[in-house]
C-alpha atoms as a PDB file:
ATOM      1  CA  UNK A   1     -32.599 -36.821  -0.011  1.00  0.00           C
ATOM      2  CA  UNK A   2     -29.799 -38.703  -1.634  1.00  0.00           C
ATOM      3  CA  UNK A   3     -30.496 -40.110  -5.158  1.00  0.00           C
ATOM      4  CA  UNK A   4     -28.643 -43.089  -6.545  1.00  0.00           C
ATOM      5  CA  UNK A   5     -28.087 -42.497 -10.414  1.00  0.00           C
ATOM      6  CA  UNK A   6     -26.878 -44.885 -13.005  1.00  0.00           C
ATOM      7  CA  UNK A   7     -23.550 -43.887 -14.347  1.00  0.00           C
ATOM      8  CA  UNK A   8     -23.583 -42.103 -17.784  1.00  0.00           C
ATOM      9  CA  UNK A   9     -22.126 -45.160 -19.567  1.00  0.00           C
ATOM     10  CA  UNK A  10     -24.632 -47.619 -18.130  1.00  0.00           C
ATOM     11  CA  UNK A  11     -25.623 -50.041 -20.877  1.00  0.00           C
ATOM     12  CA  UNK A  12     -29.381 -50.097 -21.317  1.00  0.00           C
ATOM     13  CA  UNK A  13     -30.558 -52.293 -23.985  1.00  0.00           C
ATOM     14  CA  UNK A  14     -32.158 -55.604 -24.995  1.00  0.00           C
ATOM     15  CA  UNK A  15     -31.304 -59.146 -25.840  1.00  0.00           C
ATOM     16  CA  UNK A  16     -32.334 -61.765 -28.620  1.00  0.00           C
ATOM     17  CA  UNK A  17     -31.015 -65.166 -29.940  1.00  0.00           C
ATOM     18  CA  UNK A  18     -30.410 -66.055 -33.548  1.00  0.00           C
ATOM     19  CA  UNK A  19     -32.726 -68.913 -33.364  1.00  0.00           C
ATOM     20  CA  UNK A  20     -35.570 -66.601 -32.102  1.00  0.00           C
ATOM     21  CA  UNK A  21     -35.574 -63.943 -34.625  1.00  0.00           C
ATOM     22  CA  UNK A  22     -33.354 -64.488 -37.541  1.00  0.00           C
ATOM     23  CA  UNK A  23     -35.569 -66.967 -39.631  1.00  0.00           C
ATOM     24  CA  UNK A  24     -33.802 -67.759 -42.935  1.00  0.00           C
ATOM     25  CA  UNK A  25     -33.015 -71.128 -41.415  1.00  0.00           C
ATOM     26  CA  UNK A  26     -31.484 -72.645 -44.480  1.00  0.00           C
ATOM     27  CA  UNK A  27     -30.499 -69.521 -46.361  1.00  0.00           C
ATOM     28  CA  UNK A  28     -27.028 -68.646 -47.721  1.00  0.00           C
ATOM     29  CA  UNK A  29     -25.398 -71.969 -46.582  1.00  0.00           C
ATOM     30  CA  UNK A  30     -26.761 -72.019 -42.933  1.00  0.00           C
ATOM     31  CA  UNK A  31     -26.960 -75.592 -41.630  1.00  0.00           C
ATOM     32  CA  UNK A  32     -29.714 -77.059 -39.411  1.00  0.00           C
ATOM     33  CA  UNK A  33     -29.187 -76.358 -35.585  1.00  0.00           C
ATOM     34  CA  UNK A  34     -30.969 -78.228 -32.863  1.00  0.00           C
ATOM     35  CA  UNK A  35     -33.467 -75.236 -32.564  1.00  0.00           C
ATOM     36  CA  UNK A  36     -34.559 -75.822 -36.036  1.00  0.00           C
ATOM     37  CA  UNK A  37     -35.938 -79.305 -35.250  1.00  0.00           C
ATOM     38  CA  UNK A  38     -37.586 -78.481 -31.849  1.00  0.00           C
ATOM     39  CA  UNK A  39     -41.439 -78.000 -32.400  1.00  0.00           C
ATOM     40  CA  UNK A  40     -43.370 -75.277 -30.857  1.00  0.00           C
ATOM     41  CA  UNK A  41     -45.604 -75.575 -27.851  1.00  0.00           C
ATOM     42  CA  UNK A  42     -45.835 -76.447 -24.145  1.00  0.00           C
ATOM     43  CA  UNK A  43     -45.223 -80.089 -24.970  1.00  0.00           C
ATOM     44  CA  UNK A  44     -41.926 -79.695 -26.748  1.00  0.00           C
ATOM     45  CA  UNK A  45     -39.810 -81.122 -24.080  1.00  0.00           C
ATOM     46  CA  UNK A  46     -42.203 -84.112 -23.753  1.00  0.00           C
ATOM     47  CA  UNK A  47     -41.875 -84.624 -27.569  1.00  0.00           C
ATOM     48  CA  UNK A  48     -38.064 -84.611 -27.603  1.00  0.00           C
ATOM     49  CA  UNK A  49     -37.813 -86.972 -24.801  1.00  0.00           C
ATOM     50  CA  UNK A  50     -39.876 -89.681 -26.382  1.00  0.00           C
ATOM     51  CA  UNK A  51     -37.853 -92.790 -27.136  1.00  0.00           C
ATOM     52  CA  UNK A  52     -38.457 -92.484 -30.842  1.00  0.00           C
ATOM     53  CA  UNK A  53     -37.471 -88.714 -31.224  1.00  0.00           C
ATOM     54  CA  UNK A  54     -35.102 -88.571 -34.242  1.00  0.00           C
ATOM     55  CA  UNK A  55     -34.115 -85.002 -34.675  1.00  0.00           C
ATOM     56  CA  UNK A  56     -36.125 -84.555 -37.829  1.00  0.00           C
ATOM     57  CA  UNK A  57     -38.500 -81.849 -39.006  1.00  0.00           C
ATOM     58  CA  UNK A  58     -42.108 -82.978 -39.351  1.00  0.00           C
ATOM     59  CA  UNK A  59     -44.307 -80.069 -40.508  1.00  0.00           C
ATOM     60  CA  UNK A  60     -47.256 -82.379 -40.875  1.00  0.00           C
ATOM     61  CA  UNK A  61     -47.463 -82.750 -37.105  1.00  0.00           C
ATOM     62  CA  UNK A  62     -45.724 -79.636 -35.619  1.00  0.00           C
ATOM     63  CA  UNK A  63     -45.127 -75.962 -36.150  1.00  0.00           C
ATOM     64  CA  UNK A  64     -41.563 -74.608 -36.202  1.00  0.00           C
ATOM     65  CA  UNK A  65     -41.924 -70.658 -35.997  1.00  0.00           C
ATOM     66  CA  UNK A  66     -38.239 -70.070 -35.582  1.00  0.00           C
ATOM     67  CA  UNK A  67     -37.883 -71.048 -39.176  1.00  0.00           C
ATOM     68  CA  UNK A  68     -39.267 -67.595 -40.047  1.00  0.00           C
ATOM     69  CA  UNK A  69     -38.617 -65.761 -36.767  1.00  0.00           C
ATOM     70  CA  UNK A  70     -39.331 -62.025 -37.265  1.00  0.00           C
ATOM     71  CA  UNK A  71     -37.276 -62.300 -40.546  1.00  0.00           C
ATOM     72  CA  UNK A  72     -34.512 -60.220 -38.836  1.00  0.00           C
ATOM     73  CA  UNK A  73     -32.054 -61.897 -41.416  1.00  0.00           C
ATOM     74  CA  UNK A  74     -33.567 -59.623 -44.130  1.00  0.00           C
ATOM     75  CA  UNK A  75     -34.752 -56.757 -41.785  1.00  0.00           C
ATOM     76  CA  UNK A  76     -32.009 -56.322 -39.308  1.00  0.00           C
ATOM     77  CA  UNK A  77     -31.033 -52.804 -40.494  1.00  0.00           C
ATOM     78  CA  UNK A  78     -34.545 -51.445 -39.859  1.00  0.00           C
ATOM     79  CA  UNK A  79     -34.787 -53.507 -36.599  1.00  0.00           C
ATOM     80  CA  UNK A  80     -31.618 -52.047 -35.271  1.00  0.00           C
ATOM     81  CA  UNK A  81     -32.727 -48.630 -36.242  1.00  0.00           C
ATOM     82  CA  UNK A  82     -35.812 -49.046 -34.131  1.00  0.00           C
ATOM     83  CA  UNK A  83     -33.712 -50.288 -31.199  1.00  0.00           C
ATOM     84  CA  UNK A  84     -31.899 -46.959 -31.574  1.00  0.00           C
ATOM     85  CA  UNK A  85     -35.142 -44.970 -31.530  1.00  0.00           C
ATOM     86  CA  UNK A  86     -36.096 -46.776 -28.316  1.00  0.00           C
ATOM     87  CA  UNK A  87     -32.873 -45.597 -26.649  1.00  0.00           C
ATOM     88  CA  UNK A  88     -30.853 -48.748 -26.776  1.00  0.00           C
ATOM     89  CA  UNK A  89     -27.260 -48.330 -25.625  1.00  0.00           C
ATOM     90  CA  UNK A  90     -26.411 -52.047 -26.147  1.00  0.00           C
ATOM     91  CA  UNK A  91     -28.012 -54.969 -27.958  1.00  0.00           C
ATOM     92  CA  UNK A  92     -27.123 -58.570 -26.995  1.00  0.00           C
ATOM     93  CA  UNK A  93     -27.405 -61.039 -29.911  1.00  0.00           C
ATOM     94  CA  UNK A  94     -26.135 -64.464 -30.665  1.00  0.00           C
ATOM     95  CA  UNK A  95     -23.962 -65.662 -33.679  1.00  0.00           C
ATOM     96  CA  UNK A  96     -25.653 -68.787 -35.023  1.00  0.00           C
ATOM     97  CA  UNK A  97     -23.028 -71.548 -34.983  1.00  0.00           C
ATOM     98  CA  UNK A  98     -24.627 -73.201 -37.881  1.00  0.00           C
ATOM     99  CA  UNK A  99     -24.624 -70.109 -40.038  1.00  0.00           C
ATOM    100  CA  UNK A 100     -20.726 -69.894 -39.724  1.00  0.00           C
ATOM    101  CA  UNK A 101     -20.001 -73.647 -39.663  1.00  0.00           C
ATOM    102  CA  UNK A 102     -23.197 -75.340 -41.008  1.00  0.00           C
ATOM    103  CA  UNK A 103     -22.336 -78.752 -39.681  1.00  0.00           C
ATOM    104  CA  UNK A 104     -20.020 -77.544 -36.915  1.00  0.00           C
ATOM    105  CA  UNK A 105     -16.932 -79.519 -37.751  1.00  0.00           C
ATOM    106  CA  UNK A 106     -15.709 -77.903 -40.850  1.00  0.00           C
ATOM    107  CA  UNK A 107     -12.371 -76.168 -41.117  1.00  0.00           C
ATOM    108  CA  UNK A 108     -13.504 -73.234 -43.300  1.00  0.00           C
ATOM    109  CA  UNK A 109     -16.346 -70.972 -42.235  1.00  0.00           C
ATOM    110  CA  UNK A 110     -19.265 -69.937 -44.394  1.00  0.00           C
ATOM    111  CA  UNK A 111     -18.437 -66.526 -45.987  1.00  0.00           C
ATOM    112  CA  UNK A 112     -22.112 -65.571 -46.232  1.00  0.00           C
ATOM    113  CA  UNK A 113     -22.640 -66.134 -42.534  1.00  0.00           C
ATOM    114  CA  UNK A 114     -19.642 -64.034 -41.621  1.00  0.00           C
ATOM    115  CA  UNK A 115     -20.878 -61.261 -43.993  1.00  0.00           C
ATOM    116  CA  UNK A 116     -24.217 -61.215 -42.366  1.00  0.00           C
ATOM    117  CA  UNK A 117     -22.850 -60.531 -38.794  1.00  0.00           C
ATOM    118  CA  UNK A 118     -20.262 -58.154 -40.262  1.00  0.00           C
ATOM    119  CA  UNK A 119     -23.172 -55.969 -41.346  1.00  0.00           C
ATOM    120  CA  UNK A 120     -25.146 -56.497 -38.004  1.00  0.00           C
ATOM    121  CA  UNK A 121     -22.349 -55.238 -36.061  1.00  0.00           C
ATOM    122  CA  UNK A 122     -21.648 -52.300 -38.337  1.00  0.00           C
ATOM    123  CA  UNK A 123     -25.307 -51.245 -38.141  1.00  0.00           C
ATOM    124  CA  UNK A 124     -25.119 -51.493 -34.283  1.00  0.00           C
ATOM    125  CA  UNK A 125     -22.105 -49.203 -34.205  1.00  0.00           C
ATOM    126  CA  UNK A 126     -23.582 -46.878 -36.745  1.00  0.00           C
ATOM    127  CA  UNK A 127     -26.259 -46.138 -34.046  1.00  0.00           C
ATOM    128  CA  UNK A 128     -23.826 -46.022 -31.324  1.00  0.00           C
ATOM    129  CA  UNK A 129     -25.257 -49.279 -29.832  1.00  0.00           C
ATOM    130  CA  UNK A 130     -22.617 -51.473 -28.021  1.00  0.00           C
ATOM    131  CA  UNK A 131     -22.858 -54.961 -29.408  1.00  0.00           C
ATOM    132  CA  UNK A 132     -22.823 -57.773 -26.827  1.00  0.00           C
ATOM    133  CA  UNK A 133     -22.354 -61.247 -28.563  1.00  0.00           C
ATOM    134  CA  UNK A 134     -23.292 -64.604 -27.273  1.00  0.00           C
ATOM    135  CA  UNK A 135     -21.294 -67.194 -29.028  1.00  0.00           C
ATOM    136  CA  UNK A 136     -23.617 -70.118 -28.325  1.00  0.00           C
ATOM    137  CA  UNK A 137     -27.168 -69.584 -27.569  1.00  0.00           C
ATOM    138  CA  UNK A 138     -29.215 -72.837 -27.630  1.00  0.00           C
ATOM    139  CA  UNK A 139     -28.429 -73.220 -31.431  1.00  0.00           C
ATOM    140  CA  UNK A 140     -25.492 -75.895 -31.799  1.00  0.00           C
ATOM    141  CA  UNK A 141     -25.367 -77.379 -35.275  1.00  0.00           C
ATOM    142  CA  UNK A 142     -27.689 -80.429 -35.444  1.00  0.00           C
ATOM    143  CA  UNK A 143     -24.819 -82.537 -37.064  1.00  0.00           C
ATOM    144  CA  UNK A 144     -22.901 -82.221 -33.902  1.00  0.00           C
ATOM    145  CA  UNK A 145     -25.649 -84.054 -32.130  1.00  0.00           C
ATOM    146  CA  UNK A 146     -26.467 -86.762 -34.725  1.00  0.00           C
ATOM    147  CA  UNK A 147     -22.861 -87.650 -35.503  1.00  0.00           C
ATOM    148  CA  UNK A 148     -21.140 -86.873 -32.073  1.00  0.00           C
ATOM    149  CA  UNK A 149     -23.800 -87.204 -29.549  1.00  0.00           C
ATOM    150  CA  UNK A 150     -23.740 -83.585 -28.328  1.00  0.00           C
ATOM    151  CA  UNK A 151     -21.675 -81.922 -25.587  1.00  0.00           C
ATOM    152  CA  UNK A 152     -21.243 -85.317 -23.792  1.00  0.00           C
ATOM    153  CA  UNK A 153     -18.461 -85.809 -26.537  1.00  0.00           C
ATOM    154  CA  UNK A 154     -15.098 -84.205 -25.771  1.00  0.00           C
ATOM    155  CA  UNK A 155     -14.549 -83.534 -29.390  1.00  0.00           C
ATOM    156  CA  UNK A 156     -17.059 -80.701 -29.243  1.00  0.00           C
ATOM    157  CA  UNK A 157     -14.528 -78.737 -27.421  1.00  0.00           C
ATOM    158  CA  UNK A 158     -12.285 -78.415 -30.400  1.00  0.00           C
ATOM    159  CA  UNK A 159     -15.065 -77.604 -32.807  1.00  0.00           C
ATOM    160  CA  UNK A 160     -16.422 -74.945 -30.239  1.00  0.00           C
ATOM    161  CA  UNK A 161     -12.899 -73.588 -29.787  1.00  0.00           C
ATOM    162  CA  UNK A 162     -12.490 -73.252 -33.583  1.00  0.00           C
ATOM    163  CA  UNK A 163     -15.856 -71.348 -33.866  1.00  0.00           C
ATOM    164  CA  UNK A 164     -15.003 -69.106 -31.070  1.00  0.00           C
ATOM    165  CA  UNK A 165     -11.667 -68.413 -32.315  1.00  0.00           C
ATOM    166  CA  UNK A 166     -13.111 -67.506 -35.705  1.00  0.00           C
ATOM    167  CA  UNK A 167     -15.603 -65.126 -34.460  1.00  0.00           C
ATOM    168  CA  UNK A 168     -13.431 -63.503 -31.719  1.00  0.00           C
ATOM    169  CA  UNK A 169     -10.609 -62.991 -34.156  1.00  0.00           C
ATOM    170  CA  UNK A 170     -12.823 -61.370 -36.737  1.00  0.00           C
ATOM    171  CA  UNK A 171     -14.840 -59.038 -34.355  1.00  0.00           C
ATOM    172  CA  UNK A 172     -12.697 -58.403 -31.290  1.00  0.00           C
ATOM    173  CA  UNK A 173     -11.984 -54.797 -32.489  1.00  0.00           C
ATOM    174  CA  UNK A 174     -15.603 -53.944 -32.639  1.00  0.00           C
ATOM    175  CA  UNK A 175     -17.012 -56.004 -29.840  1.00  0.00           C
ATOM    176  CA  UNK A 176     -15.994 -55.551 -26.308  1.00  0.00           C
ATOM    177  CA  UNK A 177     -18.486 -57.795 -24.492  1.00  0.00           C
ATOM    178  CA  UNK A 178     -18.746 -61.677 -25.089  1.00  0.00           C
ATOM    179  CA  UNK A 179     -20.676 -64.392 -23.576  1.00  0.00           C
ATOM    180  CA  UNK A 180     -19.449 -67.881 -24.280  1.00  0.00           C
ATOM    181  CA  UNK A 181     -22.607 -69.719 -23.510  1.00  0.00           C
ATOM    182  CA  UNK A 182     -26.268 -68.754 -22.762  1.00  0.00           C
ATOM    183  CA  UNK A 183     -27.810 -70.047 -19.467  1.00  0.00           C
ATOM    184  CA  UNK A 184     -24.950 -72.687 -19.247  1.00  0.00           C
ATOM    185  CA  UNK A 185     -26.674 -74.094 -16.096  1.00  0.00           C
ATOM    186  CA  UNK A 186     -30.052 -74.745 -17.676  1.00  0.00           C
ATOM    187  CA  UNK A 187     -29.038 -78.228 -18.698  1.00  0.00           C
ATOM    188  CA  UNK A 188     -30.116 -79.347 -15.291  1.00  0.00           C
ATOM    189  CA  UNK A 189     -33.713 -78.782 -16.362  1.00  0.00           C
ATOM    190  CA  UNK A 190     -33.683 -78.973 -20.044  1.00  0.00           C
ATOM    191  CA  UNK A 191     -30.454 -80.376 -21.513  1.00  0.00           C
ATOM    192  CA  UNK A 192     -31.692 -80.478 -25.046  1.00  0.00           C
ATOM    193  CA  UNK A 193     -31.266 -76.722 -25.378  1.00  0.00           C
ATOM    194  CA  UNK A 194     -27.594 -76.351 -24.608  1.00  0.00           C
ATOM    195  CA  UNK A 195     -26.098 -79.851 -24.583  1.00  0.00           C
ATOM    196  CA  UNK A 196     -27.992 -81.578 -27.319  1.00  0.00           C
ATOM    197  CA  UNK A 197     -29.137 -84.296 -24.934  1.00  0.00           C
ATOM    198  CA  UNK A 198     -32.534 -85.868 -24.973  1.00  0.00           C
ATOM    199  CA  UNK A 199     -33.830 -89.036 -23.188  1.00  0.00           C
ATOM    200  CA  UNK A 200     -32.365 -91.511 -26.006  1.00  0.00           C
ATOM    201  CA  UNK A 201     -28.904 -90.127 -25.942  1.00  0.00           C
ATOM    202  CA  UNK A 202     -28.242 -89.375 -22.099  1.00  0.00           C
ATOM    203  CA  UNK A 203     -30.516 -86.411 -21.339  1.00  0.00           C
ATOM    204  CA  UNK A 204     -32.067 -88.356 -18.328  1.00  0.00           C
ATOM    205  CA  UNK A 205     -28.716 -89.296 -16.800  1.00  0.00           C
ATOM    206  CA  UNK A 206     -27.129 -86.710 -14.540  1.00  0.00           C
ATOM    207  CA  UNK A 207     -23.667 -88.190 -14.926  1.00  0.00           C
ATOM    208  CA  UNK A 208     -24.004 -87.507 -18.574  1.00  0.00           C
ATOM    209  CA  UNK A 209     -25.203 -84.121 -18.090  1.00  0.00           C
ATOM    210  CA  UNK A 210     -22.263 -83.232 -15.760  1.00  0.00           C
ATOM    211  CA  UNK A 211     -19.924 -84.713 -18.217  1.00  0.00           C
ATOM    212  CA  UNK A 212     -21.238 -82.409 -20.913  1.00  0.00           C
ATOM    213  CA  UNK A 213     -21.080 -79.464 -18.547  1.00  0.00           C
ATOM    214  CA  UNK A 214     -17.451 -80.227 -17.823  1.00  0.00           C
ATOM    215  CA  UNK A 215     -16.774 -80.109 -21.600  1.00  0.00           C
ATOM    216  CA  UNK A 216     -18.591 -76.940 -21.915  1.00  0.00           C
ATOM    217  CA  UNK A 217     -16.694 -75.397 -19.020  1.00  0.00           C
ATOM    218  CA  UNK A 218     -13.449 -76.381 -20.708  1.00  0.00           C
ATOM    219  CA  UNK A 219     -14.600 -75.001 -24.106  1.00  0.00           C
ATOM    220  CA  UNK A 220     -15.755 -71.693 -22.339  1.00  0.00           C
ATOM    221  CA  UNK A 221     -12.299 -71.324 -20.694  1.00  0.00           C
ATOM    222  CA  UNK A 222     -10.764 -71.623 -24.126  1.00  0.00           C
ATOM    223  CA  UNK A 223     -12.896 -68.931 -25.494  1.00  0.00           C
ATOM    224  CA  UNK A 224     -11.936 -66.597 -22.570  1.00  0.00           C
ATOM    225  CA  UNK A 225      -8.263 -67.469 -23.147  1.00  0.00           C
ATOM    226  CA  UNK A 226      -8.476 -66.710 -26.920  1.00  0.00           C
ATOM    227  CA  UNK A 227     -10.329 -63.460 -26.220  1.00  0.00           C
ATOM    228  CA  UNK A 228      -7.914 -62.165 -23.799  1.00  0.00           C
ATOM    229  CA  UNK A 229      -4.918 -63.130 -25.994  1.00  0.00           C
ATOM    230  CA  UNK A 230      -6.451 -60.806 -28.668  1.00  0.00           C
ATOM    231  CA  UNK A 231      -7.264 -58.035 -26.252  1.00  0.00           C
ATOM    232  CA  UNK A 232      -6.832 -58.313 -22.440  1.00  0.00           C
ATOM    233  CA  UNK A 233      -9.519 -55.675 -22.054  1.00  0.00           C
ATOM    234  CA  UNK A 234     -12.172 -57.771 -23.541  1.00  0.00           C
ATOM    235  CA  UNK A 235     -14.951 -58.886 -21.099  1.00  0.00           C
ATOM    236  CA  UNK A 236     -15.738 -62.564 -21.698  1.00  0.00           C
ATOM    237  CA  UNK A 237     -17.727 -65.030 -19.606  1.00  0.00           C
ATOM    238  CA  UNK A 238     -20.804 -67.166 -19.651  1.00  0.00           C
ATOM    239  CA  UNK A 239     -24.345 -66.376 -18.801  1.00  0.00           C
ATOM    240  CA  UNK A 240     -26.289 -68.084 -15.855  1.00  0.00           C
ATOM    241  CA  UNK A 241     -30.087 -68.795 -15.702  1.00  0.00           C
ATOM    242  CA  UNK A 242     -31.717 -67.825 -12.533  1.00  0.00           C
ATOM    243  CA  UNK A 243     -35.411 -68.769 -12.333  1.00  0.00           C
ATOM    244  CA  UNK A 244     -36.780 -67.815  -9.150  1.00  0.00           C
ATOM    245  CA  UNK A 245     -39.466 -69.903  -7.333  1.00  0.00           C
ATOM    246  CA  UNK A 246     -41.713 -68.125  -4.720  1.00  0.00           C
ATOM    247  CA  UNK A 247     -43.257 -69.802  -1.749  1.00  0.00           C
ATOM    248  CA  UNK A 248     -46.987 -70.328  -1.660  1.00  0.00           C
ATOM    249  CA  UNK A 249     -47.267 -68.753   1.631  1.00  0.00           C
ATOM    250  CA  UNK A 250     -45.185 -68.177   4.969  1.00  0.00           C
ATOM    251  CA  UNK A 251     -45.293 -71.731   6.203  1.00  0.00           C
ATOM    252  CA  UNK A 252     -41.842 -72.795   7.178  1.00  0.00           C
ATOM    253  CA  UNK A 253     -42.415 -76.091   5.364  1.00  0.00           C
ATOM    254  CA  UNK A 254     -43.131 -74.240   2.074  1.00  0.00           C
ATOM    255  CA  UNK A 255     -40.348 -71.622   2.592  1.00  0.00           C
ATOM    256  CA  UNK A 256     -37.803 -74.468   3.084  1.00  0.00           C
ATOM    257  CA  UNK A 257     -39.065 -76.308  -0.022  1.00  0.00           C
ATOM    258  CA  UNK A 258     -38.891 -73.099  -1.952  1.00  0.00           C
ATOM    259  CA  UNK A 259     -35.212 -72.471  -0.843  1.00  0.00           C
ATOM    260  CA  UNK A 260     -34.357 -76.025  -1.939  1.00  0.00           C
ATOM    261  CA  UNK A 261     -35.933 -75.617  -5.233  1.00  0.00           C
ATOM    262  CA  UNK A 262     -33.947 -72.380  -5.887  1.00  0.00           C
ATOM    263  CA  UNK A 263     -30.820 -74.076  -4.738  1.00  0.00           C
ATOM    264  CA  UNK A 264     -31.384 -77.082  -6.943  1.00  0.00           C
ATOM    265  CA  UNK A 265     -32.420 -75.491 -10.088  1.00  0.00           C
ATOM    266  CA  UNK A 266     -30.110 -72.486 -10.030  1.00  0.00           C
END
């Protein structure tokens, strides 16, 4: 019998996003991100697509669990130690854009934010865990939406480019694997997460979504170019969402509908 084994250097691990677990959503100079104003629950996309949605936090009506997360911002050392005990060989996490550039359009980064990720990466390496960094994971600075309209505005290319260059230049010697955007294709279903678009600023218009995608693709290409200029061996690319739909039964009509749904969504 022939056994197919994973190579010795295969990267087993796990993944998180800053807006999911860090908490500390306004500590040490961090600005608000779009994730910070999205309420919890199954109705969140209905809420953000109401005509009167205005990107504000209303704790009298909604819960915002990401404001606390699992307090990873203060407990990352023990969290990563636990990852090591679980046998992680890699850990994918994101750098919160609004922790480095609180409003997204500044020239000078927030030193406290950089210090935090210095320590996160150093802790990963201490336990021989390969860091895999996502540059943008559903957490663009809120200011880039309220002032510029989100990714439909070409000016975001330069803001993202500056952010990407800042973190790539700082960490390229410690981090070999980079993702420019998380689930970049997800905007087809929920553009609020990756593009900052809702019903009242273009989120229901496919032309606007495609324009925003174009701007993100250009920004992603810049990040790849910057990374490879620093070190040609860096592996840099975006991540795609693939959400599989399964047919109700073997009926050819349902099978075809399932195929079309998978093609359209993914």
